[in-house]
Protein backbone atom coordinates (compact mmCIF):
# COMPACT_ATOMS: atom_id res chain seq x y z
CA MET A 1 0.00 0.00 0.00
CA ILE A 2 0.99 3.62 -0.26
CA ILE A 3 0.33 6.35 2.25
CA ILE A 4 -0.14 9.73 0.59
CA MET A 5 0.83 12.58 2.88
CA ARG A 6 -0.79 16.00 2.83
CA PRO A 7 1.13 18.67 0.86
CA ASP A 8 1.78 20.53 4.13
CA ALA A 9 2.92 17.44 6.07
CA THR A 10 6.02 18.11 8.13
CA ALA A 11 9.16 16.01 8.29
CA ALA A 12 8.22 15.07 11.85
CA GLN A 13 4.78 13.84 10.79
CA ILE A 14 6.33 11.77 7.98
CA GLY A 15 8.76 10.35 10.52
CA VAL A 16 5.93 9.28 12.83
CA VAL A 17 4.23 7.38 10.01
CA THR A 18 7.40 5.64 8.85
CA ASP A 19 8.34 4.67 12.41
CA LYS A 20 4.91 3.15 13.01
CA LEU A 21 5.11 1.15 9.79
CA LYS A 22 8.58 -0.15 10.61
CA LYS A 23 7.42 -1.12 14.10
CA HIS A 24 4.82 -3.37 12.48
CA GLY A 25 7.34 -5.03 10.19
CA PHE A 26 6.80 -3.07 6.97
CA GLY A 27 9.52 -2.21 4.54
CA VAL A 28 9.32 1.55 4.03
CA HIS A 29 10.24 3.49 0.89
CA LEU A 30 9.86 7.25 0.53
CA SER A 31 9.02 9.01 -2.72
CA GLN A 32 9.16 12.77 -2.31
CA GLY A 33 7.85 14.57 -5.37
CA ALA A 34 7.29 18.24 -6.08
CA GLU A 35 3.64 18.13 -5.00
CA ARG A 36 3.39 15.29 -2.48
CA THR A 37 5.24 12.75 -0.38
CA VAL A 38 4.28 9.11 -0.82
CA ILE A 39 5.30 6.40 1.62
CA GLY A 40 5.43 2.91 0.16
CA ALA A 41 4.71 0.23 2.75
CA ILE A 42 5.63 -3.32 1.76
CA GLY A 43 4.31 -5.98 4.11
CA ASP A 44 1.23 -7.66 5.57
CA LYS A 45 -1.62 -5.16 5.76
CA SER A 46 -3.36 -7.26 8.41
CA ALA A 47 -0.51 -6.44 10.81
CA ILE A 48 -1.70 -2.86 11.29
CA GLN A 49 -5.01 -1.06 11.72
CA LEU A 50 -5.45 1.09 8.65
CA GLU A 51 -8.00 3.29 10.42
CA ALA A 52 -5.44 4.21 13.05
CA LEU A 53 -2.86 4.92 10.39
CA GLN A 54 -5.31 7.11 8.49
CA MET A 55 -5.85 9.24 11.60
CA LEU A 56 -2.19 10.14 12.04
CA PRO A 57 -1.40 13.85 11.52
CA GLY A 58 -0.31 14.67 7.98
CA VAL A 59 -1.86 11.58 6.35
CA SER A 60 -4.11 12.36 3.38
CA GLU A 61 -5.14 8.89 2.20
CA ILE A 62 -4.12 5.24 2.06
CA VAL A 63 -4.21 3.57 -1.32
CA PRO A 64 -3.67 -0.15 -1.96
CA ILE A 65 -1.29 -0.98 -4.82
CA ARG A 66 -2.98 -3.67 -6.87
CA LYS A 67 0.01 -4.47 -9.09
CA PRO A 68 2.33 -7.27 -7.91
CA TYR A 69 5.20 -4.83 -8.37
CA LYS A 70 4.98 -1.92 -5.94
CA LEU A 71 7.95 0.44 -5.97
CA VAL A 72 8.28 0.56 -9.75
CA SER A 73 4.58 1.29 -10.32
CA ARG A 74 3.04 4.57 -11.38
CA GLU A 75 0.75 4.23 -8.39
CA PHE A 76 3.73 4.60 -6.08
CA GLN A 77 5.46 7.36 -8.06
CA LYS A 78 3.73 9.43 -10.72
CA GLU A 79 6.77 11.50 -11.68
CA ASP A 80 9.25 9.96 -14.13
CA THR A 81 12.50 8.76 -12.59
CA ILE A 82 15.61 10.42 -14.00
CA VAL A 83 18.71 8.26 -13.87
CA ALA A 84 21.90 10.33 -13.68
CA LEU A 85 25.34 9.30 -14.92
CA PRO A 86 28.62 11.21 -14.65
CA GLY A 87 29.25 13.94 -17.20
CA GLY A 88 25.77 15.38 -16.95
CA VAL A 89 24.09 12.44 -18.71
CA LYS A 90 20.47 12.01 -17.62
CA ILE A 91 18.25 9.15 -18.80
CA GLY A 92 14.54 9.89 -18.77
CA ALA A 93 14.97 13.64 -18.51
CA GLY A 94 12.14 14.93 -20.63
CA GLU A 95 13.08 15.79 -24.21
CA LYS A 96 16.72 14.67 -24.08
CA LEU A 97 17.54 11.22 -25.49
CA VAL A 98 20.56 9.12 -24.57
CA ILE A 99 22.53 6.98 -27.03
CA MET A 100 24.74 4.18 -25.67
CA ALA A 101 27.16 2.84 -28.27
CA GLY A 102 30.27 0.75 -28.67
CA PRO A 103 31.45 -2.80 -29.40
CA CYS A 104 29.76 -5.87 -27.96
CA SER A 105 33.05 -6.93 -26.36
CA VAL A 106 36.20 -5.15 -25.32
CA GLU A 107 38.74 -7.00 -27.46
CA GLY A 108 41.78 -4.82 -26.95
CA GLU A 109 42.90 -1.31 -26.13
CA GLN A 110 43.42 0.05 -29.64
CA ALA A 111 40.16 -1.25 -31.11
CA PHE A 112 38.05 -0.06 -28.19
CA LEU A 113 39.61 3.40 -28.11
CA GLU A 114 39.02 3.71 -31.84
CA ALA A 115 35.37 2.79 -31.38
CA ALA A 116 35.02 5.15 -28.41
CA ARG A 117 36.36 8.10 -30.36
CA ALA A 118 34.06 7.31 -33.28
CA VAL A 119 30.84 7.09 -31.27
CA LYS A 120 31.77 10.22 -29.32
CA ALA A 121 32.30 12.14 -32.58
CA ALA A 122 28.92 10.95 -33.89
CA GLY A 123 27.09 12.17 -30.78
CA ALA A 124 26.79 9.19 -28.43
CA ASN A 125 26.42 10.00 -24.72
CA VAL A 126 27.50 6.69 -23.14
CA LEU A 127 30.03 4.00 -24.05
CA ARG A 128 29.03 0.36 -24.00
CA GLY A 129 31.28 -2.67 -23.98
CA GLY A 130 31.53 -6.08 -22.41
CA ALA A 131 34.35 -7.17 -20.12
CA PHE A 132 32.48 -10.30 -19.02
CA LYS A 133 30.48 -11.90 -21.83
CA PRO A 134 27.75 -14.53 -21.48
CA ARG A 135 28.10 -16.82 -24.52
CA THR A 136 26.04 -19.77 -25.68
CA SER A 137 29.18 -21.80 -26.28
CA PRO A 138 31.68 -22.32 -23.42
CA TYR A 139 34.44 -22.22 -26.04
CA ALA A 140 33.56 -18.74 -27.38
CA PHE A 141 35.33 -15.54 -26.32
CA GLN A 142 34.23 -14.74 -22.75
CA GLY A 143 35.73 -11.26 -22.39
CA LEU A 144 38.89 -9.78 -20.91
CA GLY A 145 37.61 -9.43 -17.35
CA GLU A 146 39.29 -6.72 -15.25
CA LYS A 147 41.63 -5.83 -18.11
CA GLY A 148 38.54 -4.97 -20.18
CA LEU A 149 37.22 -2.78 -17.38
CA GLN A 150 40.54 -0.94 -17.25
CA ILE A 151 40.43 -0.33 -21.02
CA MET A 152 36.91 1.12 -20.73
CA ALA A 153 38.05 3.34 -17.87
CA GLN A 154 40.88 4.56 -20.09
CA ALA A 155 38.40 5.32 -22.88
CA ARG A 156 36.24 7.24 -20.40
CA GLU A 157 39.27 9.28 -19.36
CA GLU A 158 40.03 10.19 -22.97
CA THR A 159 36.50 10.83 -24.28
CA GLY A 160 34.69 12.01 -21.16
CA LEU A 161 31.92 9.47 -21.81
CA PRO A 162 30.63 7.34 -18.91
CA PHE A 163 30.39 3.63 -19.65
CA VAL A 164 27.98 0.78 -19.01
CA THR A 165 29.05 -2.84 -18.85
CA GLU A 166 27.51 -6.16 -17.87
CA VAL A 167 27.97 -7.94 -14.56
CA MET A 168 27.13 -11.64 -14.62
CA ASP A 169 28.00 -12.97 -11.18
CA THR A 170 27.38 -11.81 -7.62
CA ARG A 171 31.10 -12.39 -6.98
CA ASP A 172 32.01 -9.77 -9.62
CA VAL A 173 29.64 -6.98 -8.56
CA GLU A 174 32.13 -5.18 -6.33
CA LEU A 175 34.86 -5.34 -8.99
CA VAL A 176 32.67 -4.10 -11.85
CA ALA A 177 31.14 -1.36 -9.68
CA LYS A 178 34.63 -0.09 -8.88
CA TYR A 179 35.16 0.78 -12.56
CA ALA A 180 31.80 1.17 -14.29
CA ASP A 181 29.42 4.11 -14.21
CA MET A 182 26.43 1.86 -14.87
CA LEU A 183 25.97 -1.87 -14.34
CA GLN A 184 24.08 -3.92 -16.89
CA ILE A 185 22.02 -6.98 -16.01
CA GLY A 186 21.86 -8.95 -19.25
CA ALA A 187 18.81 -10.72 -20.60
CA ARG A 188 20.02 -14.13 -19.42
CA ASN A 189 20.26 -12.85 -15.84
CA MET A 190 16.99 -10.92 -15.63
CA ALA A 191 15.62 -13.55 -13.25
CA ASN A 192 18.86 -14.04 -11.29
CA PHE A 193 17.33 -12.66 -8.11
CA ASN A 194 20.47 -12.92 -6.00
CA LEU A 195 22.33 -10.84 -8.58
CA LEU A 196 19.49 -8.32 -8.71
CA ARG A 197 19.60 -7.87 -4.95
CA GLU A 198 23.37 -7.52 -5.02
CA VAL A 199 23.41 -4.75 -7.64
CA GLY A 200 20.59 -3.06 -5.74
CA LYS A 201 22.93 -2.67 -2.80
CA THR A 202 25.56 -0.86 -4.88
CA LYS A 203 23.42 2.25 -5.45
CA LYS A 204 25.00 2.40 -8.93
CA PRO A 205 22.72 3.09 -11.93
CA ILE A 206 21.46 -0.22 -13.35
CA LEU A 207 20.44 -1.16 -16.89
CA LEU A 208 18.05 -4.11 -16.62
CA LYS A 209 17.53 -5.91 -19.91
CA ARG A 210 14.38 -7.90 -20.59
CA GLY A 211 14.69 -11.68 -20.70
CA PRO A 212 14.01 -13.27 -24.11
CA GLY A 213 11.00 -15.19 -22.78
CA SER A 214 9.77 -12.71 -20.19
CA THR A 215 6.54 -10.76 -19.98
CA VAL A 216 6.50 -7.08 -19.14
CA GLN A 217 5.17 -7.91 -15.69
CA GLU A 218 8.01 -10.36 -15.02
CA TRP A 219 10.48 -7.72 -16.20
CA LEU A 220 9.03 -5.14 -13.82
CA MET A 221 9.07 -7.65 -10.97
CA SER A 222 12.81 -8.08 -11.57
CA ALA A 223 13.22 -4.31 -11.35
CA GLU A 224 11.30 -4.47 -8.06
CA TYR A 225 14.07 -6.62 -6.60
CA ILE A 226 16.60 -3.86 -7.30
CA LEU A 227 14.42 -1.07 -5.96
CA SER A 228 13.58 -3.08 -2.84
CA GLU A 229 17.26 -2.87 -1.89
CA GLY A 230 17.06 0.93 -2.00
CA ASN A 231 18.43 1.53 -5.50
CA LYS A 232 15.99 3.62 -7.52
CA GLN A 233 18.41 4.32 -10.38
CA VAL A 234 17.12 1.68 -12.80
CA VAL A 235 16.72 1.84 -16.59
CA LEU A 236 14.78 -0.85 -18.44
CA GLY A 237 16.22 -2.23 -21.69
CA GLU A 238 13.99 -3.76 -24.38
CA ARG A 239 16.23 -6.02 -26.49
CA GLY A 240 13.74 -8.28 -28.18
CA ILE A 241 11.89 -11.40 -27.10
CA ARG A 242 11.78 -14.92 -28.48
CA THR A 243 8.77 -15.65 -30.69
CA PHE A 244 8.01 -18.15 -33.44
CA GLU A 245 9.58 -15.77 -35.99
CA THR A 246 13.03 -16.79 -37.24
CA ALA A 247 13.71 -14.02 -39.77
CA THR A 248 15.53 -12.03 -37.08
CA ARG A 249 17.53 -12.94 -33.99
CA ASN A 250 14.72 -11.75 -31.70
CA THR A 251 11.45 -9.86 -32.08
CA VAL A 252 11.69 -6.30 -30.79
CA ASP A 253 8.58 -5.57 -28.76
CA ILE A 254 7.92 -1.97 -29.72
CA ASN A 255 4.61 -2.26 -27.85
CA ALA A 256 6.62 -2.60 -24.64
CA VAL A 257 7.81 1.01 -24.83
CA PRO A 258 4.41 2.73 -24.37
CA VAL A 259 3.22 -0.09 -22.09
CA VAL A 260 6.19 0.42 -19.77
CA LYS A 261 5.68 4.19 -19.87
CA LYS A 262 2.11 3.65 -18.67
CA LEU A 263 2.89 1.14 -15.94
CA THR A 264 6.13 2.45 -14.41
CA HIS A 265 8.05 5.63 -13.71
CA LEU A 266 11.34 4.03 -14.78
CA PRO A 267 12.95 5.10 -18.08
CA ILE A 268 13.27 2.64 -20.97
CA ILE A 269 15.74 2.26 -23.83
CA VAL A 270 15.65 0.00 -26.91
CA ASP A 271 18.49 -2.21 -28.14
CA PRO A 272 17.94 -2.74 -31.88
CA SER A 273 21.26 -4.56 -32.29
CA HIS A 274 20.36 -7.59 -30.17
CA GLY A 275 16.74 -7.16 -31.19
CA THR A 276 17.43 -7.84 -34.86
CA GLY A 277 20.84 -9.49 -35.02
CA GLU A 278 21.45 -7.91 -38.43
CA TRP A 279 23.23 -4.58 -38.86
CA ASP A 280 21.15 -3.45 -41.85
CA LEU A 281 17.93 -3.76 -39.83
CA VAL A 282 19.27 -1.79 -36.87
CA PRO A 283 18.57 1.74 -38.23
CA ALA A 284 14.87 1.09 -38.90
CA ILE A 285 14.23 -0.40 -35.45
CA ALA A 286 16.30 2.34 -33.81
CA ARG A 287 14.06 4.96 -35.41
CA ALA A 288 10.95 2.99 -34.43
CA GLY A 289 12.10 2.88 -30.80
CA ILE A 290 12.50 6.65 -30.65
CA ALA A 291 9.16 7.17 -32.38
CA ALA A 292 7.46 4.89 -29.83
CA GLY A 293 8.73 7.01 -26.93
CA ALA A 294 11.92 5.32 -25.74
CA ASP A 295 14.30 7.45 -23.67
CA GLY A 296 17.31 6.20 -25.59
CA LEU A 297 19.00 3.45 -27.55
CA MET A 298 21.85 0.98 -27.13
CA ILE A 299 23.67 0.29 -30.40
CA GLU A 300 26.65 -1.89 -31.15
CA VAL A 301 29.39 -0.18 -33.16
CA HIS A 302 32.67 -1.80 -34.19
CA PRO A 303 35.50 -0.39 -36.37
CA LYS A 304 35.78 -3.75 -38.20
CA PRO A 305 32.64 -5.84 -37.66
CA ASP A 306 33.92 -8.66 -39.85
CA GLU A 307 36.78 -9.14 -37.39
CA ALA A 308 34.68 -8.80 -34.19
CA MET A 309 35.06 -11.56 -31.65
CA SER A 310 31.33 -11.42 -30.82
CA ASP A 311 28.17 -10.14 -32.53
CA GLY A 312 29.90 -8.67 -35.57
CA ALA A 313 26.85 -9.33 -37.76
CA GLN A 314 24.74 -6.86 -35.79
CA SER A 315 27.39 -4.17 -35.34
CA LEU A 316 27.41 -0.95 -37.32
CA LYS A 317 30.56 0.49 -38.79
CA PRO A 318 31.38 3.99 -37.42
CA GLU A 319 30.35 5.70 -40.67
CA THR A 320 27.00 3.87 -40.69
CA PHE A 321 26.43 4.83 -37.06
CA GLN A 322 27.12 8.47 -37.90
CA GLU A 323 24.54 8.34 -40.71
CA LEU A 324 22.03 6.77 -38.31
CA MET A 325 22.54 9.54 -35.78
CA VAL A 326 21.63 12.12 -38.45
CA SER A 327 18.35 10.33 -39.23
CA LEU A 328 17.57 9.84 -35.54
CA ARG A 329 17.71 13.57 -34.96
CA GLY A 330 14.92 14.02 -37.49
CA VAL A 331 12.74 11.38 -35.82
CA ALA A 332 13.44 12.84 -32.40
CA ARG A 333 12.32 16.31 -33.52
CA ALA A 334 9.12 14.83 -34.96
CA VAL A 335 8.12 13.40 -31.57
CA GLY A 336 9.25 16.35 -29.48
CA ARG A 337 12.60 14.92 -28.37
CA GLN A 338 16.22 15.79 -29.09
CA LEU A 339 19.65 14.20 -29.28
């Protein structure tokens, strides 16, 4: 349930309510907006008398949250969450869109720095790259580990762009968080609840990708795990789901963008690279994502895709990425956004 406080409720009155809820075993989460303060109470409603709670000074009304996810719901927080990264990058901040770009994997210093310079020149806001790579085959390239993180940190130092990278194991969270500006939970780990709780404790911005066989509700429930640990800096990533269609790697669920916008206050980005698996289809789906209302995109860019150690077929060359950015600006203007 949520307890909506009166606009003139004092800090002391809010404290009384939260203390009472905690005394009865509720998990308490505050959402303080411009017009009202909302207290999210997660627990057994039968443990407390709602009438007594309603009578406390400063309380306006008590509203049950009917969705299975609580903290990520629009019922709990009406205002859009803005996720902030270093360098003034803000995801979900009104008109401004964010473009995350770079190679699927960090393969070496020279190649990654070349890619970083190229995406920076084209207008990207955030670098992406994998130091730890989940692969279908145990014999495929698995990433450079900490060396890859160090290379991305070097690229950040040179370009000024913050970077996002995937963490796959609870044992690696502390290491990855030491270097990265944003931690990515990949599609295969969307339901790894121990990992979700662990990244929630870091208070680092999190990019949570949708699992290939997951519903929107399941996706939002995974986000709930992160928020329940106190980390509200979560971005949702639509990267395509598995359907009966085999013409593309996955099926990008464009519907998910407006659906998510209606159900949650969290920002959402679209990943057309993993969504299609084919570089020549990426531009069209990227434009569709922006048109549907996404707050940004994640696009794979590699200086030499034919030599990439992972996902070369879906990676754009730098010159193609630059052309895409030009077309995206036109789409953004048409829907009242900007790059």
